[in-house]
Amino acid sequence: MAGIAALLLGGNPTLTPAAVEPALKANSRPIPGTCSGGCGAGLVDAAATVGVG
């Protein structure tokens, strides 16, 4: 996720951490299978998050 956050900040360096976090979470999908803890929001779709494609 750090790389995707860097891409977001490269496109808009004025973004705050409070703006980056929801963008990452909004473009995540659940991890397949079961997770016993610590999996977070899921797998982030980089293209959707940075608006490519």
C-alpha atoms as a PDB file:
ATOM      1  CA  MET A   1       0.000   0.000   0.000  1.00  0.00           C
ATOM      2  CA  ALA A   2       2.928   2.350   0.528  1.00  0.00           C
ATOM      3  CA  GLY A   3       3.639   2.340  -3.205  1.00  0.00           C
ATOM      4  CA  ILE A   4       0.050   3.201  -4.039  1.00  0.00           C
ATOM      5  CA  ALA A   5       0.082   5.974  -1.440  1.00  0.00           C
ATOM      6  CA  ALA A   6       3.251   7.309  -3.094  1.00  0.00           C
ATOM      7  CA  LEU A   7       1.526   7.303  -6.486  1.00  0.00           C
ATOM      8  CA  LEU A   8      -1.397   9.240  -5.011  1.00  0.00           C
ATOM      9  CA  LEU A   9       0.958  11.778  -3.444  1.00  0.00           C
ATOM     10  CA  GLY A  10       2.927  12.072  -6.680  1.00  0.00           C
ATOM     11  CA  GLY A  11      -0.247  13.117  -8.444  1.00  0.00           C
ATOM     12  CA  ASN A  12      -1.380  15.395  -5.629  1.00  0.00           C
ATOM     13  CA  PRO A  13       1.306  16.280  -3.069  1.00  0.00           C
ATOM     14  CA  THR A  14      -1.180  18.248  -0.963  1.00  0.00           C
ATOM     15  CA  LEU A  15      -3.044  15.092   0.110  1.00  0.00           C
ATOM     16  CA  THR A  16      -2.982  14.411   3.825  1.00  0.00           C
ATOM     17  CA  PRO A  17      -2.802  10.984   5.477  1.00  0.00           C
ATOM     18  CA  ALA A  18      -6.459  11.512   6.410  1.00  0.00           C
ATOM     19  CA  ALA A  19      -7.299  11.743   2.678  1.00  0.00           C
ATOM     20  CA  VAL A  20      -5.051   8.895   1.503  1.00  0.00           C
ATOM     21  CA  GLU A  21      -6.385   6.263   3.909  1.00  0.00           C
ATOM     22  CA  PRO A  22     -10.037   6.357   2.774  1.00  0.00           C
ATOM     23  CA  ALA A  23      -8.956   6.350  -0.889  1.00  0.00           C
ATOM     24  CA  LEU A  24      -7.020   3.126  -0.288  1.00  0.00           C
ATOM     25  CA  LYS A  25      -9.845   1.505   1.661  1.00  0.00           C
ATOM     26  CA  ALA A  26     -12.516   2.524  -0.855  1.00  0.00           C
ATOM     27  CA  ASN A  27     -10.636   0.733  -3.640  1.00  0.00           C
ATOM     28  CA  SER A  28      -9.953  -2.504  -1.762  1.00  0.00           C
ATOM     29  CA  ARG A  29     -11.551  -5.895  -2.165  1.00  0.00           C
ATOM     30  CA  PRO A  30     -11.721  -8.609   0.490  1.00  0.00           C
ATOM     31  CA  ILE A  31      -8.964 -11.186   0.646  1.00  0.00           C
ATOM     32  CA  PRO A  32     -10.294 -14.553  -0.584  1.00  0.00           C
ATOM     33  CA  GLY A  33     -10.758 -17.205   2.054  1.00  0.00           C
ATOM     34  CA  THR A  34     -10.769 -16.659   5.757  1.00  0.00           C
ATOM     35  CA  CYS A  35      -8.542 -14.415   7.780  1.00  0.00           C
ATOM     36  CA  SER A  36      -8.047 -15.046  11.464  1.00  0.00           C
ATOM     37  CA  GLY A  37      -6.962 -11.488  12.127  1.00  0.00           C
ATOM     38  CA  GLY A  38      -4.825  -8.617  10.936  1.00  0.00           C
ATOM     39  CA  CYS A  39      -5.880  -8.638   7.278  1.00  0.00           C
ATOM     40  CA  GLY A  40      -7.089  -5.046   7.198  1.00  0.00           C
ATOM     41  CA  ALA A  41      -9.266  -3.693   4.403  1.00  0.00           C
ATOM     42  CA  GLY A  42      -8.099  -6.241   1.822  1.00  0.00           C
ATOM     43  CA  LEU A  43      -6.248  -6.010  -1.495  1.00  0.00           C
ATOM     44  CA  VAL A  44      -5.994  -2.514  -2.932  1.00  0.00           C
ATOM     45  CA  ASP A  45      -6.737  -1.998  -6.639  1.00  0.00           C
ATOM     46  CA  ALA A  46      -3.899   0.353  -7.622  1.00  0.00           C
ATOM     47  CA  ALA A  47      -5.366   1.414 -10.975  1.00  0.00           C
ATOM     48  CA  ALA A  48      -8.726   2.282  -9.437  1.00  0.00           C
ATOM     49  CA  THR A  49      -7.077   4.172  -6.578  1.00  0.00           C
ATOM     50  CA  VAL A  50      -4.893   6.389  -8.731  1.00  0.00           C
ATOM     51  CA  GLY A  51      -7.483   6.741 -11.501  1.00  0.00           C
ATOM     52  CA  VAL A  52      -5.586   4.946 -14.269  1.00  0.00           C
ATOM     53  CA  GLY A  53      -7.426   2.999 -16.925  1.00  0.00           C
END
